[in-house]
Amino acid sequence: MHSLRAQREAGMTESGLGVDTHNLDGALRVYESCGFVAVQRHCIYRKPLLLD
């Protein structure tokens, strides 16, 4: 919240960040409680490559 206030005091009107929605510490809930809203979602696919 301190950095958001500092940004506002510096004249900024918007702030953005990225978050891992599967974060076990509940990062998404923390950011939403600060007023952030999801505007875009990304999906990352992974496939392990097994060596013979």
PDB file of N, CA and C in Angstrom:
ATOM      1  N   MET A   1       0.823  -1.188   0.000  1.00  0.00           N
ATOM      2  CA  MET A   1       0.000   0.000   0.000  1.00  0.00           C
ATOM      3  C   MET A   1       0.870   1.256   0.000  1.00  0.00           C
ATOM      4  N   HIS A   2       2.040   1.184   0.650  1.00  0.00           N
ATOM      5  CA  HIS A   2       2.931   2.350   0.666  1.00  0.00           C
ATOM      6  C   HIS A   2       3.358   2.733  -0.749  1.00  0.00           C
ATOM      7  N   SER A   3       3.701   1.728  -1.556  1.00  0.00           N
ATOM      8  CA  SER A   3       4.149   2.040  -2.919  1.00  0.00           C
ATOM      9  C   SER A   3       2.994   2.577  -3.761  1.00  0.00           C
ATOM     10  N   LEU A   4       1.769   2.087  -3.536  1.00  0.00           N
ATOM     11  CA  LEU A   4       0.621   2.604  -4.282  1.00  0.00           C
ATOM     12  C   LEU A   4       0.373   4.071  -3.927  1.00  0.00           C
ATOM     13  N   ARG A   5       0.496   4.395  -2.650  1.00  0.00           N
ATOM     14  CA  ARG A   5       0.332   5.797  -2.241  1.00  0.00           C
ATOM     15  C   ARG A   5       1.419   6.678  -2.864  1.00  0.00           C
ATOM     16  N   ALA A   6       2.663   6.162  -2.850  1.00  0.00           N
ATOM     17  CA  ALA A   6       3.770   6.923  -3.434  1.00  0.00           C
ATOM     18  C   ALA A   6       3.551   7.149  -4.926  1.00  0.00           C
ATOM     19  N   GLN A   7       3.026   6.148  -5.604  1.00  0.00           N
ATOM     20  CA  GLN A   7       2.743   6.288  -7.033  1.00  0.00           C
ATOM     21  C   GLN A   7       1.674   7.353  -7.264  1.00  0.00           C
ATOM     22  N   ARG A   8       0.622   7.309  -6.454  1.00  0.00           N
ATOM     23  CA  ARG A   8      -0.448   8.307  -6.587  1.00  0.00           C
ATOM     24  C   ARG A   8       0.091   9.712  -6.323  1.00  0.00           C
ATOM     25  N   GLU A   9       0.917   9.853  -5.273  1.00  0.00           N
ATOM     26  CA  GLU A   9       1.489  11.153  -4.947  1.00  0.00           C
ATOM     27  C   GLU A   9       2.419  11.654  -6.049  1.00  0.00           C
ATOM     28  N   ALA A  10       2.998  10.729  -6.824  1.00  0.00           N
ATOM     29  CA  ALA A  10       3.878  11.100  -7.938  1.00  0.00           C
ATOM     30  C   ALA A  10       3.079  11.429  -9.197  1.00  0.00           C
ATOM     31  N   GLY A  11       1.744  11.347  -9.101  1.00  0.00           N
ATOM     32  CA  GLY A  11       0.900  11.712 -10.232  1.00  0.00           C
ATOM     33  C   GLY A  11       0.457  10.552 -11.100  1.00  0.00           C
ATOM     34  N   MET A  12       0.833   9.346 -10.721  1.00  0.00           N
ATOM     35  CA  MET A  12       0.402   8.192 -11.518  1.00  0.00           C
ATOM     36  C   MET A  12      -1.080   7.926 -11.265  1.00  0.00           C
ATOM     37  N   THR A  13      -1.772   7.450 -12.275  1.00  0.00           N
ATOM     38  CA  THR A  13      -3.210   7.200 -12.158  1.00  0.00           C
ATOM     39  C   THR A  13      -3.547   5.716 -12.228  1.00  0.00           C
ATOM     40  N   GLU A  14      -2.530   4.878 -12.445  1.00  0.00           N
ATOM     41  CA  GLU A  14      -2.792   3.450 -12.591  1.00  0.00           C
ATOM     42  C   GLU A  14      -1.526   2.669 -12.234  1.00  0.00           C
ATOM     43  N   SER A  15      -1.720   1.465 -11.709  1.00  0.00           N
ATOM     44  CA  SER A  15      -0.595   0.599 -11.394  1.00  0.00           C
ATOM     45  C   SER A  15      -0.958  -0.815 -11.833  1.00  0.00           C
ATOM     46  N   GLY A  16       0.018  -1.580 -12.257  1.00  0.00           N
ATOM     47  CA  GLY A  16      -0.248  -2.940 -12.708  1.00  0.00           C
ATOM     48  C   GLY A  16       0.780  -3.902 -12.161  1.00  0.00           C
ATOM     49  N   LEU A  17       0.436  -5.161 -12.134  1.00  0.00           N
ATOM     50  CA  LEU A  17       1.356  -6.186 -11.684  1.00  0.00           C
ATOM     51  C   LEU A  17       0.940  -7.528 -12.246  1.00  0.00           C
ATOM     52  N   GLY A  18       1.809  -8.494 -12.116  1.00  0.00           N
ATOM     53  CA  GLY A  18       1.508  -9.862 -12.522  1.00  0.00           C
ATOM     54  C   GLY A  18       1.525 -10.757 -11.299  1.00  0.00           C
ATOM     55  N   VAL A  19       0.682 -11.749 -11.287  1.00  0.00           N
ATOM     56  CA  VAL A  19       0.606 -12.643 -10.129  1.00  0.00           C
ATOM     57  C   VAL A  19       0.348 -14.068 -10.592  1.00  0.00           C
ATOM     58  N   ASP A  20       0.943 -15.000  -9.905  1.00  0.00           N
ATOM     59  CA  ASP A  20       0.685 -16.420 -10.130  1.00  0.00           C
ATOM     60  C   ASP A  20      -0.604 -16.762  -9.394  1.00  0.00           C
ATOM     61  N   THR A  21      -1.667 -17.047 -10.114  1.00  0.00           N
ATOM     62  CA  THR A  21      -2.965 -17.289  -9.475  1.00  0.00           C
ATOM     63  C   THR A  21      -2.997 -18.583  -8.678  1.00  0.00           C
ATOM     64  N   HIS A  22      -2.000 -19.420  -8.851  1.00  0.00           N
ATOM     65  CA  HIS A  22      -1.923 -20.665  -8.077  1.00  0.00           C
ATOM     66  C   HIS A  22      -0.968 -20.535  -6.891  1.00  0.00           C
ATOM     67  N   ASN A  23      -0.551 -19.310  -6.595  1.00  0.00           N
ATOM     68  CA  ASN A  23       0.353 -19.056  -5.481  1.00  0.00           C
ATOM     69  C   ASN A  23      -0.291 -19.565  -4.189  1.00  0.00           C
ATOM     70  N   LEU A  24       0.422 -20.405  -3.473  1.00  0.00           N
ATOM     71  CA  LEU A  24      -0.129 -21.030  -2.268  1.00  0.00           C
ATOM     72  C   LEU A  24      -0.273 -20.056  -1.102  1.00  0.00           C
ATOM     73  N   ASP A  25       0.364 -18.895  -1.187  1.00  0.00           N
ATOM     74  CA  ASP A  25       0.271 -17.916  -0.111  1.00  0.00           C
ATOM     75  C   ASP A  25      -0.901 -16.961  -0.285  1.00  0.00           C
ATOM     76  N   GLY A  26      -1.700 -17.138  -1.327  1.00  0.00           N
ATOM     77  CA  GLY A  26      -2.888 -16.315  -1.525  1.00  0.00           C
ATOM     78  C   GLY A  26      -2.604 -14.930  -2.080  1.00  0.00           C
ATOM     79  N   ALA A  27      -1.576 -14.812  -2.910  1.00  0.00           N
ATOM     80  CA  ALA A  27      -1.212 -13.502  -3.466  1.00  0.00           C
ATOM     81  C   ALA A  27      -2.372 -12.847  -4.206  1.00  0.00           C
ATOM     82  N   LEU A  28      -3.133 -13.620  -4.943  1.00  0.00           N
ATOM     83  CA  LEU A  28      -4.252 -13.061  -5.701  1.00  0.00           C
ATOM     84  C   LEU A  28      -5.248 -12.366  -4.770  1.00  0.00           C
ATOM     85  N   ARG A  29      -5.587 -13.000  -3.669  1.00  0.00           N
ATOM     86  CA  ARG A  29      -6.530 -12.393  -2.710  1.00  0.00           C
ATOM     87  C   ARG A  29      -5.964 -11.101  -2.120  1.00  0.00           C
ATOM     88  N   VAL A  30      -4.659 -11.098  -1.858  1.00  0.00           N
ATOM     89  CA  VAL A  30      -4.035  -9.892  -1.301  1.00  0.00           C
ATOM     90  C   VAL A  30      -4.180  -8.733  -2.276  1.00  0.00           C
ATOM     91  N   TYR A  31      -3.848  -8.960  -3.541  1.00  0.00           N
ATOM     92  CA  TYR A  31      -3.919  -7.881  -4.529  1.00  0.00           C
ATOM     93  C   TYR A  31      -5.355  -7.442  -4.768  1.00  0.00           C
ATOM     94  N   GLU A  32      -6.278  -8.390  -4.805  1.00  0.00           N
ATOM     95  CA  GLU A  32      -7.686  -8.014  -4.984  1.00  0.00           C
ATOM     96  C   GLU A  32      -8.176  -7.201  -3.793  1.00  0.00           C
ATOM     97  N   SER A  33      -7.706  -7.522  -2.596  1.00  0.00           N
ATOM     98  CA  SER A  33      -8.122  -6.757  -1.411  1.00  0.00           C
ATOM     99  C   SER A  33      -7.576  -5.331  -1.443  1.00  0.00           C
ATOM    100  N   CYS A  34      -6.520  -5.109  -2.234  1.00  0.00           N
ATOM    101  CA  CYS A  34      -5.953  -3.763  -2.400  1.00  0.00           C
ATOM    102  C   CYS A  34      -6.634  -3.007  -3.538  1.00  0.00           C
ATOM    103  N   GLY A  35      -7.602  -3.638  -4.203  1.00  0.00           N
ATOM    104  CA  GLY A  35      -8.348  -2.965  -5.256  1.00  0.00           C
ATOM    105  C   GLY A  35      -7.943  -3.326  -6.669  1.00  0.00           C
ATOM    106  N   PHE A  36      -6.947  -4.212  -6.824  1.00  0.00           N
ATOM    107  CA  PHE A  36      -6.560  -4.633  -8.170  1.00  0.00           C
ATOM    108  C   PHE A  36      -7.643  -5.538  -8.762  1.00  0.00           C
ATOM    109  N   VAL A  37      -7.866  -5.413 -10.059  1.00  0.00           N
ATOM    110  CA  VAL A  37      -8.817  -6.264 -10.769  1.00  0.00           C
ATOM    111  C   VAL A  37      -8.110  -6.928 -11.948  1.00  0.00           C
ATOM    112  N   ALA A  38      -8.438  -8.179 -12.185  1.00  0.00           N
ATOM    113  CA  ALA A  38      -7.838  -8.901 -13.311  1.00  0.00           C
ATOM    114  C   ALA A  38      -8.361  -8.317 -14.618  1.00  0.00           C
ATOM    115  N   VAL A  39      -7.447  -7.976 -15.521  1.00  0.00           N
ATOM    116  CA  VAL A  39      -7.841  -7.456 -16.829  1.00  0.00           C
ATOM    117  C   VAL A  39      -7.348  -8.343 -17.954  1.00  0.00           C
ATOM    118  N   GLN A  40      -6.460  -9.262 -17.633  1.00  0.00           N
ATOM    119  CA  GLN A  40      -5.915 -10.151 -18.655  1.00  0.00           C
ATOM    120  C   GLN A  40      -5.383 -11.403 -17.972  1.00  0.00           C
ATOM    121  N   ARG A  41      -5.558 -12.521 -18.632  1.00  0.00           N
ATOM    122  CA  ARG A  41      -5.040 -13.776 -18.084  1.00  0.00           C
ATOM    123  C   ARG A  41      -4.212 -14.474 -19.141  1.00  0.00           C
ATOM    124  N   HIS A  42      -3.165 -15.119 -18.691  1.00  0.00           N
ATOM    125  CA  HIS A  42      -2.277 -15.853 -19.587  1.00  0.00           C
ATOM    126  C   HIS A  42      -2.265 -17.313 -19.176  1.00  0.00           C
ATOM    127  N   CYS A  43      -2.058 -18.148 -20.130  1.00  0.00           N
ATOM    128  CA  CYS A  43      -1.945 -19.576 -19.860  1.00  0.00           C
ATOM    129  C   CYS A  43      -0.578 -20.037 -20.364  1.00  0.00           C
ATOM    130  N   ILE A  44       0.137 -20.741 -19.531  1.00  0.00           N
ATOM    131  CA  ILE A  44       1.442 -21.254 -19.916  1.00  0.00           C
ATOM    132  C   ILE A  44       1.371 -22.772 -19.904  1.00  0.00           C
ATOM    133  N   TYR A  45       1.767 -23.382 -20.993  1.00  0.00           N
ATOM    134  CA  TYR A  45       1.774 -24.837 -21.097  1.00  0.00           C
ATOM    135  C   TYR A  45       3.186 -25.356 -20.894  1.00  0.00           C
ATOM    136  N   ARG A  46       3.298 -26.475 -20.219  1.00  0.00           N
ATOM    137  CA  ARG A  46       4.590 -27.111 -20.016  1.00  0.00           C
ATOM    138  C   ARG A  46       4.491 -28.577 -20.369  1.00  0.00           C
ATOM    139  N   LYS A  47       5.575 -29.116 -20.880  1.00  0.00           N
ATOM    140  CA  LYS A  47       5.642 -30.538 -21.170  1.00  0.00           C
ATOM    141  C   LYS A  47       7.031 -30.999 -20.814  1.00  0.00           C
ATOM    142  N   PRO A  48       7.139 -31.939 -19.890  1.00  0.00           N
ATOM    143  CA  PRO A  48       8.466 -32.458 -19.573  1.00  0.00           C
ATOM    144  C   PRO A  48       9.023 -33.256 -20.747  1.00  0.00           C
ATOM    145  N   LEU A  49      10.290 -33.096 -21.002  1.00  0.00           N
ATOM    146  CA  LEU A  49      10.954 -33.839 -22.059  1.00  0.00           C
ATOM    147  C   LEU A  49      11.754 -34.966 -21.416  1.00  0.00           C
ATOM    148  N   LEU A  50      11.327 -36.156 -21.657  1.00  0.00           N
ATOM    149  CA  LEU A  50      11.992 -37.311 -21.055  1.00  0.00           C
ATOM    150  C   LEU A  50      13.150 -37.756 -21.951  1.00  0.00           C
ATOM    151  N   LEU A  51      14.261 -38.014 -21.330  1.00  0.00           N
ATOM    152  CA  LEU A  51      15.433 -38.479 -22.075  1.00  0.00           C
ATOM    153  C   LEU A  51      15.429 -39.996 -22.095  1.00  0.00           C
ATOM    154  N   ASP A  52      15.820 -40.572 -23.210  1.00  0.00           N
ATOM    155  CA  ASP A  52      15.894 -42.042 -23.324  1.00  0.00           C
ATOM    156  C   ASP A  52      17.095 -42.579 -22.619  1.00  0.00           C
TER     157      ASP A  52
END
